[in-house]
C-alpha cells in the first residue's frame, strides 16, 4: 500500500516538474519575442492544465502575459481585441487556489491592471476605434470601464481608474506579505516589479497631464505624484536597478509637485544608501541652489562624507553657476553649499591638481578664449564694467603674472614675452577695456594672437608644463588623490581598493587637433599606468552627459531580446569635467582615428595623389565651388546651393569620389586579419558597432562626424565615437554650412559592406536598435533633462544666438527659463515617436537659417526629391521603425547632399 502511494507521489512530482519546465519554455519564447512558438506550446498544454487548479491558474496567467507582449506590436483596434480575451479568462479564474496562494493572487491583480491599461492606452490614442467594434465588444468595454455614458473620454478615465485600483491592490498585497512573518518566502523581485508597475502607471498619467494641460480631473490624479515618489523610493531601498535608472524622473516630480512630495522625499531618501545616487551625481549637485535642494541635502552630505572624490569635480563645476535666491531657503542652501565646499577639499590637494592640469593648456588658446568672452561683453549695451575688470584679472592671473604658483617653463616663457604687453594695451587691471572700441580691441588682439602662435612650441616633457605634477610625491600629501573616473554608480564603491595617484610619467604627447590637447600618463599605486587626455578651454559636461545617455541606451539594449542576442552594445569611456573649462578624457589604447586608418592604407602613389595633386578631391571641390559661385569662402556654399542643380552636383561629386581608391577600409580590415574567418568576424563587429552608433547619434542629434571623430579599435574592429561638441542638432542649426546628413555612411563604409551594401546587416541592426529605443522614449528624454537643469557653456551661447535671430518653434514658450534645451529634447522625442528624419532636419534648418538667402534651397535638398528619394515619398510623421531607417540611409547616402557638404567633412572618403 505504502509503495503504491510513494509511486503515485513520484509520478505526480514528475508531472509537476514537466509542466513547470514547459511553462518556463513558454516564458522564454515570449521574452525572445517568439510569439508563434509560445502560442503553439500554450495550445498544447491547455488540455493538461485543466486537470489541476494551480496549473490552470498558471496557464491562464502565462496566456495573459503573452497577449500583453503580442499587443505591443499591433495597431490600436487589434490591441484591444487581443487583450479583451484575457479579461474574461482572468475573470473566470476564481479557483480556490487563488484564495490560498497569495503570490498568484498578486500576479492576477498586476495582469488585470495591465490589461485595463492597455485598453485605455489604445482608446486614448485612437478614440474612434470604439465605433469600429461590433455591438457586443463595445458594450463589454463600456461595462469594464464602469462608465454609464458612451462618452469616450469618460470610458478611458474609468478604465484607467480600474487599472490603478488593481495595480495598487497588488502593491498592497505585496507590502502586507513582506511585513507579516512569512518574509522569507516572498521574493524581492516580485515586490520591485509591483512597485515599478505602479510607478510607471502614475508616471504615464502625470506625463499625459503635463502634455495636454489636463486629461483626468480625478481624485486619483492628486495622489499620483505622492504614490510615484513613495513607491520609487521603496524600490530603491530594495536596490532596484530600474528605479535607479529612473531617478532623474524623481527629481523632476519633486520640482513640479513640491507641496505634495518634497517633505516625503526628504524624510524617506535618508534611509537609502547614498551610493545608489552616485551615477546621477551631476543631476543632484545641479539642484543645490534650487528650492527643492532640501530633499537631497542629506544624500549629498553622506556622499561627501563617505565618497568625497565621487562628488568633488561635479560639485566644483556646478558651484561656478549657482545663484541663490534672497529668501530664507536661499540662505540655508548657500550655507549648506559652503559647508560642503570646506568638507570636500581639506588640504587643498584637489585644487592643486586642477591648477596643475590647467598649466597644460596652450596659453595662446586661453588668450583667444578670453578675447571671445570680452568681445561678447563689449557688444552688450550698457557695458558691465565690473564684469570686464573681473575677467581681465582672471586672465592676467593665468597668463600675465610671473609670481603665480606652479608655473612651468612652458607658461613662464609666454608670460615673460607677453605679460607686460597686456598692461600696456589694456591698462592696469583692464582699466582701458570698458571704454575701448570693439574695432580697436579686435586689431590689438589679432596682432597679439598672430605673434603668440608664431612663438608657440609644444612642451617636450611634463616638467616644462607643471613642476607640481613632475615633483609629485605621495608622502607630502595629507589626503590621497584617487585616479579620477572610478565611480560608475552601478554598485557600492569601495574607495580603499581604488587606484590612487602615485606619480606622473614625464612623457607628454601633444595631439594635432584644434585645441592641442595633451595626453598624460598617471601612475597608479597599483603599478599600472592610466593614460588620460587633458582638454583645456572646453566644457566637457556635454560629452560626459552624452556618455551617460549611451549608458542608459546600453541598459535598454541589454533588456531587448533582439538586441541582446546580437550583443549590441555601445562602447563608452570616462569623461571627467573638472571645471567648466577643463576636463580629463579616458584614453583608449590601441585605436586609430578613421582618417589615420584610411590614409595609412594608401600606397605612396595614392597618398601623393590624394594630398598634393592639384586634381585631388579637396582641390577639385574648391575649383567647382569657385566655378559655381565665383569665389571661395563660406558664402561660396550659399551661392552653390542656389546655383547648382541636382544633376551637376551629383556628377561632380561622383567624379571626386572616383579619385579615391574605393576599398581603403576593406584593405585596413584585411591587414588586421589573420585569415578569412578573422576578416568576417572583424567586419561583422565593425558593421554592428557602426550601425548602432549611427542610430544612437542620430537620436541625440550628434553632428560634425568628420574622419577624426571616429576611433577604430585595432583589436576588435569596433567603432567608437569621440568629441560631441555638436549634439542635439546644433551642426544643422548653427554651423555656417549646415549639415544635412543624419550620420556618416559614405563610400568607404558601403564598399566594406559589399555585396549587400547598406541593405543587409547595417539595416537590420539599425531597425532593431531603433525599435528598442522607441519602446522606452521616456527613459531617454528624462535623462536628457539635466541639460535643462544646468545648461553648459555652449548651450548658453547657442541660446543667445537664437534670441538674436528670433527663430524658435511655436510649441515652446521662449519666455520660460531654459527654453532652448527644452526645444532640443522636444526634437529627440519626435524622433522616438516616428517622425520623418528629413522633416526634423528641415525644422532644425528653419531654426538656424530661416533668414539665410539660400534657406529655401537648403530645405529642398534636405527634404529630397520624390523621383529619387524614399524620404520625400514618406509622410511627415507616424513612420514605422523600418521606414525611418530607410529614410535615414537614403538621406545619409544622398549624393545631392554629400556633394554640397563642407570640405573638411571629406564626404568622398
Foldseek 3Di string as FASTA:
>chain_A
DVVVVVVVVVVVVVVVVVLVVLLVVLVVCLLLVVLVVSVVSLVVCQVVQVVDLVSLLSSLLSQLVSLLSVLVPDALLVNLVSLVVSVVSLVVSPDVVCVVDVLSVLSSLLSLLSSLLSNLVSCVVPVVCLVVDDPVSNVVLQVCLVDPDSPSLSSSVSSLVSSLVSLVVSLVSLVVVCPDPVNVVRDLVSNLVSLVSNLVSLVVQVVVCVVPVHRDPDPVNVCSLVSNLVSLLVSLQVVDPVSLLCVLVNVVSCVVVVVRHLVVLQVRNLPHQLLLNLQVLLLLLLCLQPLSVSSCLNSLVNCCVPPLQSNQQSNQANVVPHDHDPDPSSVVSVVSSVVSNCSRQPQNPLVVVVVLLQLQFQLLLVLVLLLVVLLVQLPDPPHDPVVNLVSLVVNCLQQADLPRPFAAQLRNVRNVVCNVVCCVVQNVSSVNSNVDDSVVSVVVSVVVSVVSVVPHDRDAWSRRRGVCQQVPAQVPGPDWAFDPDPSNSPDDDDVVPGWTFGGWGTGWDFDDDDRRWIWTWTQTPVRDIFIKTKFFQAQCPVVQLLLSLLVVLQVLQCSRSVSVVVVQHADGWDWRRRYRGITITGDDPQKDFQVCQLLVQDDPVLNCCQPPNCCALLNLLQVVLCVQQVDGDLCSLLSCLVGPDLVRLLVSLVVNLVSHPLASVLSSLVVLDPDPVSSVQLLLQQLLQVLLVLLSQLLFAFDPPARRQWMAHSPRRHIHGDDRPDTLNCQQFPDSFRAQASHADFRNNQVSVPPVGCPPPSLVSNLSSLVSCLVPVVSSLSSLCSCQSDPRPVQVVVLVLLVVVVFDDPVFDNVDRSSSSVRSSVLSSQVSQFFASLVSSLNSLCSHDVVPPSNVSVNDLSCDDPVQALSVVDDGGDHRSSSNSRRNVRRNHSSSSLSSDDSSRPRSD
